[in-house]
Amino acid sequence: MQRTKTAQAPAAPEASFERVLQNNLLKFSNHAAKRLEQRGIELGDRQLDQISSAVDKAAAKGSKESLILMKDMALIVSVPNRTVVTALDGNAMKDNVFTQIDSAVIIS
């Protein structure tokens, strides 16, 4: 009695799944991570999901650099890279001018 080898899935679909997963993850630049820490901003899973959804909406409209406003914080996001570039809290947002953005998404 011979055992048949179990068919293994080709590596290509796993690699493409990995690529899709990486492309859908929200990333934070070193600068943004520092700003979050300095300003005492902590993001929970729910907030990260909301930000990711906002990035999806901005991407669907063809945005490149988006301002995401969420309660008492603002994030500048590179939409194609799904990367938060910088973060500001309520105090840092006051009297601030946001430049080099092409869209804004407001999360309530």
N, C-alpha and C. Protein backbone atom coordinates (compact mmCIF):
# COMPACT_ATOMS: atom_id res chain seq x y z
N MET A 1 0.84 -1.18 0.00
CA MET A 1 0.00 0.00 0.00
C MET A 1 0.88 1.24 0.00
N GLN A 2 0.71 2.07 -0.99
CA GLN A 2 1.53 3.27 -1.10
C GLN A 2 0.74 4.48 -0.61
N ARG A 3 1.46 5.34 0.05
CA ARG A 3 0.83 6.58 0.52
C ARG A 3 0.99 7.63 -0.58
N THR A 4 -0.05 8.30 -0.84
CA THR A 4 0.06 9.40 -1.80
C THR A 4 0.47 10.66 -1.06
N LYS A 5 1.27 11.42 -1.72
CA LYS A 5 1.69 12.68 -1.10
C LYS A 5 0.52 13.65 -1.09
N THR A 6 0.39 14.35 0.01
CA THR A 6 -0.67 15.35 0.07
C THR A 6 -0.24 16.55 -0.75
N ALA A 7 -1.16 17.05 -1.50
CA ALA A 7 -0.85 18.20 -2.35
C ALA A 7 -0.62 19.42 -1.47
N GLN A 8 0.43 20.12 -1.77
CA GLN A 8 0.73 21.34 -1.02
C GLN A 8 0.33 22.54 -1.88
N ALA A 9 -0.18 23.51 -1.22
CA ALA A 9 -0.56 24.73 -1.93
C ALA A 9 0.69 25.41 -2.45
N PRO A 10 0.63 25.94 -3.65
CA PRO A 10 1.80 26.64 -4.17
C PRO A 10 2.15 27.86 -3.32
N ALA A 11 3.40 28.24 -3.32
CA ALA A 11 3.87 29.35 -2.49
C ALA A 11 3.34 30.70 -2.98
N ALA A 12 3.07 30.82 -4.25
CA ALA A 12 2.64 32.10 -4.82
C ALA A 12 1.39 32.67 -4.16
N PRO A 13 0.29 31.88 -3.98
CA PRO A 13 -0.88 32.48 -3.34
C PRO A 13 -0.59 32.97 -1.92
N GLU A 14 0.24 32.23 -1.17
CA GLU A 14 0.57 32.69 0.17
C GLU A 14 1.32 34.01 0.11
N ALA A 15 2.25 34.10 -0.84
CA ALA A 15 3.02 35.33 -0.98
C ALA A 15 2.09 36.49 -1.34
N SER A 16 1.13 36.24 -2.24
CA SER A 16 0.23 37.33 -2.60
C SER A 16 -0.69 37.68 -1.43
N PHE A 17 -1.10 36.68 -0.65
CA PHE A 17 -1.89 36.96 0.55
C PHE A 17 -1.08 37.81 1.51
N GLU A 18 0.19 37.45 1.69
CA GLU A 18 1.07 38.22 2.57
C GLU A 18 1.18 39.66 2.07
N ARG A 19 1.32 39.82 0.77
CA ARG A 19 1.43 41.15 0.18
C ARG A 19 0.14 41.94 0.42
N VAL A 20 -1.00 41.30 0.20
CA VAL A 20 -2.29 41.97 0.43
C VAL A 20 -2.41 42.37 1.89
N LEU A 21 -2.05 41.47 2.80
CA LEU A 21 -2.12 41.76 4.23
C LEU A 21 -1.25 42.97 4.56
N GLN A 22 -0.02 42.98 4.07
CA GLN A 22 0.89 44.09 4.35
C GLN A 22 0.36 45.40 3.77
N ASN A 23 -0.26 45.32 2.58
CA ASN A 23 -0.78 46.53 1.94
C ASN A 23 -1.98 47.09 2.68
N ASN A 24 -2.67 46.27 3.46
CA ASN A 24 -3.85 46.73 4.17
C ASN A 24 -3.57 47.13 5.62
N LEU A 25 -2.36 46.90 6.10
CA LEU A 25 -2.02 47.27 7.47
C LEU A 25 -1.70 48.75 7.56
N LEU A 26 -2.11 49.34 8.64
CA LEU A 26 -1.79 50.74 8.91
C LEU A 26 -0.42 50.78 9.57
N LYS A 27 0.45 51.63 9.06
CA LYS A 27 1.80 51.75 9.60
C LYS A 27 1.98 53.14 10.19
N PHE A 28 2.97 53.26 11.05
CA PHE A 28 3.30 54.55 11.66
C PHE A 28 4.77 54.84 11.40
N SER A 29 5.05 56.03 10.88
CA SER A 29 6.44 56.43 10.68
C SER A 29 7.10 56.62 12.04
N ASN A 30 8.42 56.64 12.06
CA ASN A 30 9.13 56.89 13.32
C ASN A 30 8.72 58.24 13.91
N HIS A 31 8.57 59.23 13.05
CA HIS A 31 8.17 60.57 13.50
C HIS A 31 6.79 60.52 14.16
N ALA A 32 5.84 59.83 13.52
CA ALA A 32 4.49 59.74 14.07
C ALA A 32 4.49 58.99 15.40
N ALA A 33 5.25 57.92 15.48
CA ALA A 33 5.33 57.14 16.72
C ALA A 33 5.87 58.00 17.86
N LYS A 34 6.88 58.83 17.54
CA LYS A 34 7.45 59.74 18.55
C LYS A 34 6.42 60.76 19.01
N ARG A 35 5.69 61.33 18.04
CA ARG A 35 4.69 62.35 18.37
C ARG A 35 3.57 61.75 19.23
N LEU A 36 3.14 60.55 18.90
CA LEU A 36 2.11 59.89 19.70
C LEU A 36 2.59 59.71 21.13
N GLU A 37 3.83 59.27 21.27
CA GLU A 37 4.39 59.05 22.61
C GLU A 37 4.55 60.37 23.36
N GLN A 38 5.12 61.38 22.70
CA GLN A 38 5.35 62.68 23.34
C GLN A 38 4.05 63.33 23.79
N ARG A 39 3.01 63.13 23.00
CA ARG A 39 1.74 63.79 23.30
C ARG A 39 0.80 62.90 24.10
N GLY A 40 1.28 61.74 24.49
CA GLY A 40 0.48 60.85 25.32
C GLY A 40 -0.77 60.31 24.64
N ILE A 41 -0.70 60.15 23.33
CA ILE A 41 -1.85 59.64 22.58
C ILE A 41 -1.72 58.12 22.47
N GLU A 42 -2.74 57.43 22.97
CA GLU A 42 -2.77 55.98 22.84
C GLU A 42 -3.95 55.60 21.97
N LEU A 43 -3.70 54.75 20.99
CA LEU A 43 -4.75 54.32 20.07
C LEU A 43 -5.14 52.88 20.36
N GLY A 44 -6.43 52.67 20.61
CA GLY A 44 -6.94 51.33 20.84
C GLY A 44 -7.31 50.66 19.52
N ASP A 45 -7.69 49.41 19.59
CA ASP A 45 -8.06 48.65 18.40
C ASP A 45 -9.20 49.32 17.63
N ARG A 46 -10.19 49.80 18.36
CA ARG A 46 -11.34 50.44 17.71
C ARG A 46 -10.90 51.68 16.94
N GLN A 47 -10.04 52.49 17.56
CA GLN A 47 -9.55 53.69 16.88
C GLN A 47 -8.71 53.34 15.67
N LEU A 48 -7.86 52.32 15.79
CA LEU A 48 -7.04 51.90 14.66
C LEU A 48 -7.92 51.42 13.51
N ASP A 49 -8.99 50.71 13.82
CA ASP A 49 -9.93 50.27 12.79
C ASP A 49 -10.60 51.46 12.11
N GLN A 50 -10.97 52.47 12.90
CA GLN A 50 -11.60 53.66 12.34
C GLN A 50 -10.62 54.42 11.43
N ILE A 51 -9.38 54.51 11.85
CA ILE A 51 -8.37 55.20 11.05
C ILE A 51 -8.14 54.43 9.75
N SER A 52 -8.02 53.12 9.86
CA SER A 52 -7.82 52.28 8.68
C SER A 52 -8.98 52.44 7.70
N SER A 53 -10.20 52.48 8.22
CA SER A 53 -11.38 52.68 7.38
C SER A 53 -11.34 54.06 6.71
N ALA A 54 -10.90 55.07 7.44
CA ALA A 54 -10.77 56.42 6.88
C ALA A 54 -9.75 56.44 5.76
N VAL A 55 -8.65 55.71 5.93
CA VAL A 55 -7.63 55.63 4.88
C VAL A 55 -8.21 54.93 3.65
N ASP A 56 -9.00 53.89 3.87
CA ASP A 56 -9.66 53.20 2.75
C ASP A 56 -10.55 54.17 1.97
N LYS A 57 -11.32 54.99 2.69
CA LYS A 57 -12.21 55.96 2.05
C LYS A 57 -11.41 56.99 1.25
N ALA A 58 -10.32 57.46 1.84
CA ALA A 58 -9.48 58.44 1.15
C ALA A 58 -8.86 57.81 -0.11
N ALA A 59 -8.42 56.57 0.00
CA ALA A 59 -7.83 55.87 -1.15
C ALA A 59 -8.86 55.69 -2.26
N ALA A 60 -10.10 55.39 -1.89
CA ALA A 60 -11.16 55.19 -2.88
C ALA A 60 -11.42 56.47 -3.68
N LYS A 61 -11.13 57.62 -3.09
CA LYS A 61 -11.31 58.90 -3.77
C LYS A 61 -10.04 59.37 -4.48
N GLY A 62 -8.98 58.56 -4.42
CA GLY A 62 -7.74 58.91 -5.11
C GLY A 62 -6.82 59.83 -4.32
N SER A 63 -7.02 59.94 -3.03
CA SER A 63 -6.19 60.82 -2.20
C SER A 63 -4.77 60.29 -2.07
N LYS A 64 -3.85 61.22 -1.91
CA LYS A 64 -2.44 60.87 -1.70
C LYS A 64 -2.00 61.18 -0.27
N GLU A 65 -2.33 62.37 0.20
CA GLU A 65 -1.98 62.80 1.56
C GLU A 65 -3.27 63.30 2.20
N SER A 66 -3.66 62.69 3.30
CA SER A 66 -4.94 63.02 3.90
C SER A 66 -4.79 63.44 5.36
N LEU A 67 -5.62 64.40 5.74
CA LEU A 67 -5.74 64.81 7.13
C LEU A 67 -6.92 64.03 7.71
N ILE A 68 -6.67 63.28 8.77
CA ILE A 68 -7.74 62.55 9.43
C ILE A 68 -7.99 63.20 10.77
N LEU A 69 -9.20 63.72 10.96
CA LEU A 69 -9.58 64.37 12.22
C LEU A 69 -10.44 63.40 13.01
N MET A 70 -10.04 63.21 14.27
CA MET A 70 -10.72 62.25 15.13
C MET A 70 -10.79 62.82 16.53
N LYS A 71 -11.99 63.20 16.95
CA LYS A 71 -12.21 63.79 18.27
C LYS A 71 -11.18 64.87 18.55
N ASP A 72 -10.23 64.63 19.45
CA ASP A 72 -9.26 65.66 19.81
C ASP A 72 -7.87 65.35 19.26
N MET A 73 -7.81 64.76 18.06
CA MET A 73 -6.50 64.50 17.46
C MET A 73 -6.59 64.60 15.95
N ALA A 74 -5.44 64.86 15.35
CA ALA A 74 -5.34 64.93 13.90
C ALA A 74 -4.16 64.06 13.47
N LEU A 75 -4.34 63.38 12.36
CA LEU A 75 -3.28 62.54 11.80
C LEU A 75 -3.10 62.92 10.34
N ILE A 76 -1.87 63.01 9.91
CA ILE A 76 -1.57 63.17 8.49
C ILE A 76 -1.12 61.80 8.01
N VAL A 77 -1.77 61.32 6.95
CA VAL A 77 -1.51 59.96 6.47
C VAL A 77 -1.12 59.98 5.00
N SER A 78 -0.05 59.25 4.68
CA SER A 78 0.31 58.98 3.30
C SER A 78 -0.59 57.82 2.87
N VAL A 79 -1.58 58.11 2.06
CA VAL A 79 -2.61 57.13 1.73
C VAL A 79 -2.07 55.94 0.93
N PRO A 80 -1.28 56.16 -0.14
CA PRO A 80 -0.79 55.01 -0.90
C PRO A 80 0.07 54.05 -0.06
N ASN A 81 0.81 54.60 0.90
CA ASN A 81 1.67 53.78 1.76
C ASN A 81 0.95 53.30 3.02
N ARG A 82 -0.27 53.82 3.24
CA ARG A 82 -1.05 53.51 4.46
C ARG A 82 -0.20 53.78 5.71
N THR A 83 0.51 54.92 5.68
CA THR A 83 1.43 55.27 6.76
C THR A 83 1.03 56.59 7.40
N VAL A 84 0.86 56.56 8.73
CA VAL A 84 0.62 57.79 9.49
C VAL A 84 1.96 58.52 9.57
N VAL A 85 1.99 59.74 9.05
CA VAL A 85 3.23 60.50 8.97
C VAL A 85 3.46 61.32 10.23
N THR A 86 2.39 61.91 10.77
CA THR A 86 2.51 62.66 12.01
C THR A 86 1.17 62.68 12.72
N ALA A 87 1.21 63.02 14.00
CA ALA A 87 0.00 63.05 14.82
C ALA A 87 0.04 64.27 15.72
N LEU A 88 -1.13 64.89 15.90
CA LEU A 88 -1.25 66.05 16.77
C LEU A 88 -2.42 65.85 17.71
N ASP A 89 -2.26 66.35 18.93
CA ASP A 89 -3.38 66.31 19.87
C ASP A 89 -4.13 67.64 19.76
N GLY A 90 -5.17 67.79 20.56
CA GLY A 90 -6.01 68.99 20.51
C GLY A 90 -5.23 70.27 20.69
N ASN A 91 -4.29 70.29 21.64
CA ASN A 91 -3.50 71.50 21.89
C ASN A 91 -2.60 71.84 20.70
N ALA A 92 -1.99 70.84 20.10
CA ALA A 92 -1.08 71.07 18.98
C ALA A 92 -1.84 71.49 17.72
N MET A 93 -3.14 71.14 17.65
CA MET A 93 -3.95 71.48 16.47
C MET A 93 -4.35 72.95 16.46
N LYS A 94 -4.43 73.57 17.63
CA LYS A 94 -4.90 74.96 17.71
C LYS A 94 -4.00 75.88 16.90
N ASP A 95 -4.62 76.76 16.13
CA ASP A 95 -3.91 77.75 15.32
C ASP A 95 -2.90 77.10 14.37
N ASN A 96 -3.15 75.87 13.96
CA ASN A 96 -2.25 75.18 13.06
C ASN A 96 -2.82 75.21 11.65
N VAL A 97 -1.94 75.32 10.66
CA VAL A 97 -2.33 75.26 9.27
C VAL A 97 -1.78 73.95 8.70
N PHE A 98 -2.65 73.16 8.09
CA PHE A 98 -2.23 71.89 7.50
C PHE A 98 -2.00 72.11 6.01
N THR A 99 -0.80 71.82 5.56
CA THR A 99 -0.45 72.02 4.16
C THR A 99 -0.10 70.67 3.53
N GLN A 100 -0.01 70.68 2.21
CA GLN A 100 0.39 69.52 1.42
C GLN A 100 -0.52 68.31 1.66
N ILE A 101 -1.81 68.58 1.83
CA ILE A 101 -2.79 67.50 1.91
C ILE A 101 -3.76 67.70 0.75
N ASP A 102 -4.38 66.63 0.31
CA ASP A 102 -5.36 66.77 -0.76
C ASP A 102 -6.75 66.30 -0.34
N SER A 103 -6.88 65.91 0.93
CA SER A 103 -8.18 65.48 1.41
C SER A 103 -8.22 65.52 2.93
N ALA A 104 -9.43 65.46 3.45
CA ALA A 104 -9.63 65.38 4.90
C ALA A 104 -10.76 64.40 5.15
N VAL A 105 -10.57 63.55 6.16
CA VAL A 105 -11.61 62.60 6.57
C VAL A 105 -11.88 62.88 8.04
N ILE A 106 -13.16 63.08 8.36
CA ILE A 106 -13.54 63.37 9.74
C ILE A 106 -14.22 62.15 10.31
N ILE A 107 -13.66 61.64 11.41
CA ILE A 107 -14.20 60.49 12.10
C ILE A 107 -14.93 60.98 13.33
N SER A 108 -16.20 60.62 13.46
CA SER A 108 -16.96 61.10 14.63
C SER A 108 -17.05 60.01 15.69
